[in-house]
N, C-alpha and C. Protein backbone atom coordinates (compact mmCIF):
# COMPACT_ATOMS: atom_id res chain seq x y z
N MET A 1 11.57 -0.77 -1.48
CA MET A 1 12.17 0.53 -1.58
C MET A 1 12.43 0.90 -3.03
N ASP A 2 12.67 -0.10 -3.84
CA ASP A 2 12.87 0.18 -5.27
C ASP A 2 11.64 0.85 -5.87
N TYR A 3 10.46 0.44 -5.41
CA TYR A 3 9.22 1.02 -5.92
C TYR A 3 9.14 2.51 -5.60
N TYR A 4 9.55 2.89 -4.40
CA TYR A 4 9.50 4.30 -4.01
C TYR A 4 10.36 5.14 -4.94
N GLU A 5 11.51 4.60 -5.29
CA GLU A 5 12.40 5.32 -6.19
C GLU A 5 11.86 5.29 -7.62
N ALA A 6 11.30 4.17 -8.03
CA ALA A 6 10.79 4.02 -9.40
C ALA A 6 9.63 4.97 -9.70
N VAL A 7 8.78 5.21 -8.71
CA VAL A 7 7.65 6.12 -8.92
C VAL A 7 7.98 7.55 -8.47
N LYS A 8 9.26 7.79 -8.25
CA LYS A 8 9.78 9.13 -7.96
C LYS A 8 9.28 9.74 -6.65
N LEU A 9 9.05 8.89 -5.64
CA LEU A 9 8.71 9.43 -4.33
C LEU A 9 9.96 9.98 -3.64
N CYS A 10 11.12 9.58 -4.15
CA CYS A 10 12.39 10.05 -3.59
C CYS A 10 13.47 9.90 -4.65
N GLU A 11 14.61 10.46 -4.35
CA GLU A 11 15.76 10.34 -5.24
C GLU A 11 16.34 8.93 -5.13
N PRO A 12 17.04 8.46 -6.14
CA PRO A 12 17.67 7.14 -6.07
C PRO A 12 18.59 7.02 -4.85
N GLY A 13 18.44 5.91 -4.14
CA GLY A 13 19.25 5.66 -2.96
C GLY A 13 18.74 6.32 -1.68
N GLN A 14 17.60 6.99 -1.75
CA GLN A 14 17.08 7.71 -0.59
C GLN A 14 15.80 7.12 0.00
N ALA A 15 15.34 6.00 -0.52
CA ALA A 15 14.09 5.41 -0.05
C ALA A 15 14.15 5.04 1.42
N TRP A 16 15.31 4.67 1.90
CA TRP A 16 15.44 4.29 3.31
C TRP A 16 15.03 5.44 4.23
N LYS A 17 15.21 6.68 3.78
CA LYS A 17 14.83 7.82 4.61
C LYS A 17 13.32 7.90 4.78
N LEU A 18 12.58 7.57 3.72
CA LEU A 18 11.11 7.58 3.83
C LEU A 18 10.65 6.59 4.88
N ILE A 19 11.29 5.44 4.91
CA ILE A 19 10.92 4.41 5.88
C ILE A 19 11.34 4.83 7.28
N GLU A 20 12.55 5.32 7.41
CA GLU A 20 13.05 5.74 8.71
C GLU A 20 12.20 6.86 9.31
N GLU A 21 11.74 7.77 8.47
CA GLU A 21 10.90 8.89 8.92
C GLU A 21 9.42 8.51 9.01
N GLN A 22 9.09 7.27 8.67
CA GLN A 22 7.71 6.76 8.69
C GLN A 22 6.79 7.56 7.77
N ALA A 23 7.35 8.15 6.73
CA ALA A 23 6.57 8.96 5.79
C ALA A 23 5.59 8.12 4.99
N THR A 24 5.90 6.84 4.78
CA THR A 24 5.05 5.98 3.97
C THR A 24 4.07 5.15 4.80
N TRP A 25 4.05 5.37 6.08
CA TRP A 25 3.11 4.66 6.95
C TRP A 25 1.70 5.20 6.70
N PRO A 26 0.65 4.47 7.09
CA PRO A 26 -0.72 4.94 6.83
C PRO A 26 -1.01 6.34 7.36
N ASN A 27 -0.37 6.74 8.44
CA ASN A 27 -0.59 8.10 8.97
C ASN A 27 0.56 9.04 8.62
N GLY A 28 1.42 8.65 7.68
CA GLY A 28 2.55 9.47 7.27
C GLY A 28 2.17 10.51 6.23
N ASP A 29 3.17 11.24 5.78
CA ASP A 29 2.94 12.30 4.79
C ASP A 29 2.54 11.77 3.41
N ILE A 30 3.10 10.62 3.03
CA ILE A 30 2.77 10.00 1.75
C ILE A 30 2.49 8.51 1.96
N PRO A 31 1.30 8.19 2.50
CA PRO A 31 0.98 6.79 2.79
C PRO A 31 1.04 5.92 1.54
N VAL A 32 1.64 4.75 1.70
CA VAL A 32 1.80 3.82 0.59
C VAL A 32 1.26 2.46 1.00
N ASP A 33 0.29 1.96 0.26
CA ASP A 33 -0.21 0.60 0.42
C ASP A 33 -0.65 0.27 1.85
N PRO A 34 -1.63 0.99 2.41
CA PRO A 34 -2.03 0.76 3.80
C PRO A 34 -2.67 -0.60 4.06
N SER A 35 -3.15 -1.27 3.02
CA SER A 35 -3.76 -2.58 3.23
C SER A 35 -2.73 -3.70 3.25
N GLY A 36 -1.51 -3.39 2.90
CA GLY A 36 -0.50 -4.44 2.81
C GLY A 36 -0.35 -4.93 1.39
N GLY A 37 -1.38 -4.75 0.61
CA GLY A 37 -1.31 -5.11 -0.80
C GLY A 37 -1.18 -6.59 -1.06
N VAL A 38 -1.07 -6.95 -2.31
CA VAL A 38 -1.00 -8.35 -2.69
C VAL A 38 0.43 -8.87 -2.73
N VAL A 39 1.39 -8.00 -2.55
CA VAL A 39 2.79 -8.42 -2.59
C VAL A 39 3.25 -8.94 -1.23
N CYS A 40 2.64 -8.46 -0.16
CA CYS A 40 3.19 -8.74 1.17
C CYS A 40 2.99 -10.17 1.66
N THR A 41 1.77 -10.65 1.81
CA THR A 41 1.58 -11.96 2.45
C THR A 41 0.54 -12.86 1.80
N ASN A 42 -0.13 -12.41 0.78
CA ASN A 42 -1.19 -13.22 0.20
C ASN A 42 -0.62 -14.42 -0.55
N ALA A 43 -1.32 -15.53 -0.43
CA ALA A 43 -0.93 -16.71 -1.19
C ALA A 43 -1.07 -16.42 -2.68
N ILE A 44 -0.29 -17.07 -3.48
CA ILE A 44 -0.28 -16.80 -4.93
C ILE A 44 -1.68 -16.92 -5.52
N GLY A 45 -2.42 -17.94 -5.18
CA GLY A 45 -3.75 -18.14 -5.75
C GLY A 45 -4.77 -17.14 -5.26
N ALA A 46 -4.52 -16.51 -4.11
CA ALA A 46 -5.49 -15.58 -3.54
C ALA A 46 -5.26 -14.14 -3.99
N THR A 47 -4.20 -13.89 -4.71
CA THR A 47 -3.87 -12.52 -5.11
C THR A 47 -5.00 -11.87 -5.89
N GLY A 48 -5.52 -12.54 -6.91
CA GLY A 48 -6.61 -11.99 -7.69
C GLY A 48 -7.88 -11.85 -6.89
N LEU A 49 -8.13 -12.80 -6.01
CA LEU A 49 -9.32 -12.75 -5.17
C LEU A 49 -9.28 -11.54 -4.24
N HIS A 50 -8.12 -11.20 -3.76
CA HIS A 50 -7.98 -10.02 -2.90
C HIS A 50 -8.42 -8.77 -3.65
N ARG A 51 -8.02 -8.65 -4.89
CA ARG A 51 -8.40 -7.49 -5.71
C ARG A 51 -9.91 -7.44 -5.94
N VAL A 52 -10.51 -8.59 -6.24
CA VAL A 52 -11.95 -8.66 -6.48
C VAL A 52 -12.71 -8.29 -5.20
N ALA A 53 -12.28 -8.83 -4.08
CA ALA A 53 -12.96 -8.55 -2.81
C ALA A 53 -12.87 -7.07 -2.46
N GLU A 54 -11.71 -6.46 -2.64
CA GLU A 54 -11.56 -5.04 -2.33
C GLU A 54 -12.42 -4.19 -3.26
N ALA A 55 -12.47 -4.54 -4.53
CA ALA A 55 -13.32 -3.81 -5.48
C ALA A 55 -14.79 -3.93 -5.09
N ALA A 56 -15.21 -5.12 -4.70
CA ALA A 56 -16.60 -5.32 -4.29
C ALA A 56 -16.95 -4.47 -3.08
N LEU A 57 -16.05 -4.41 -2.12
CA LEU A 57 -16.29 -3.58 -0.93
C LEU A 57 -16.42 -2.11 -1.31
N GLN A 58 -15.58 -1.65 -2.22
CA GLN A 58 -15.64 -0.25 -2.62
C GLN A 58 -16.91 0.06 -3.41
N ILE A 59 -17.31 -0.85 -4.29
CA ILE A 59 -18.53 -0.64 -5.07
C ILE A 59 -19.76 -0.62 -4.16
N ARG A 60 -19.76 -1.48 -3.15
CA ARG A 60 -20.89 -1.55 -2.23
C ARG A 60 -20.82 -0.46 -1.16
N GLU A 61 -19.76 0.37 -1.24
CA GLU A 61 -19.57 1.46 -0.29
C GLU A 61 -19.51 0.96 1.14
N MET A 62 -18.87 -0.17 1.32
CA MET A 62 -18.68 -0.72 2.67
C MET A 62 -17.57 0.10 3.35
N PRO A 63 -17.67 0.26 4.67
CA PRO A 63 -16.62 1.02 5.36
C PRO A 63 -15.27 0.35 5.23
N ALA A 64 -14.27 1.15 4.98
CA ALA A 64 -12.92 0.62 4.74
C ALA A 64 -12.19 0.26 6.04
N ARG A 65 -12.75 0.62 7.17
CA ARG A 65 -12.13 0.34 8.47
C ARG A 65 -10.68 0.79 8.51
N ASP A 66 -9.78 -0.08 8.80
CA ASP A 66 -8.38 0.29 8.98
C ASP A 66 -7.62 0.41 7.66
N ARG A 67 -8.27 0.17 6.53
CA ARG A 67 -7.58 0.26 5.24
C ARG A 67 -7.62 1.68 4.67
N SER A 68 -8.51 2.51 5.17
CA SER A 68 -8.64 3.85 4.58
C SER A 68 -7.65 4.81 5.20
N ILE A 69 -7.39 5.85 4.46
CA ILE A 69 -6.42 6.85 4.92
C ILE A 69 -7.16 8.11 5.28
């Protein structure tokens, strides 16, 4: 929630409203990190690999499946 406030998606102390209203969900008004990103569950050593794999998929124009908005 600190990130939402830091990038000015909401006023300080109001990030909980974005979550409660599901505004940041993949089908919300302002989707945030639909893939889960590297902060959520990736092992420390796999963090960089996740970025490389995603970049390779985008360069090869592979379908994004459930990651696209």
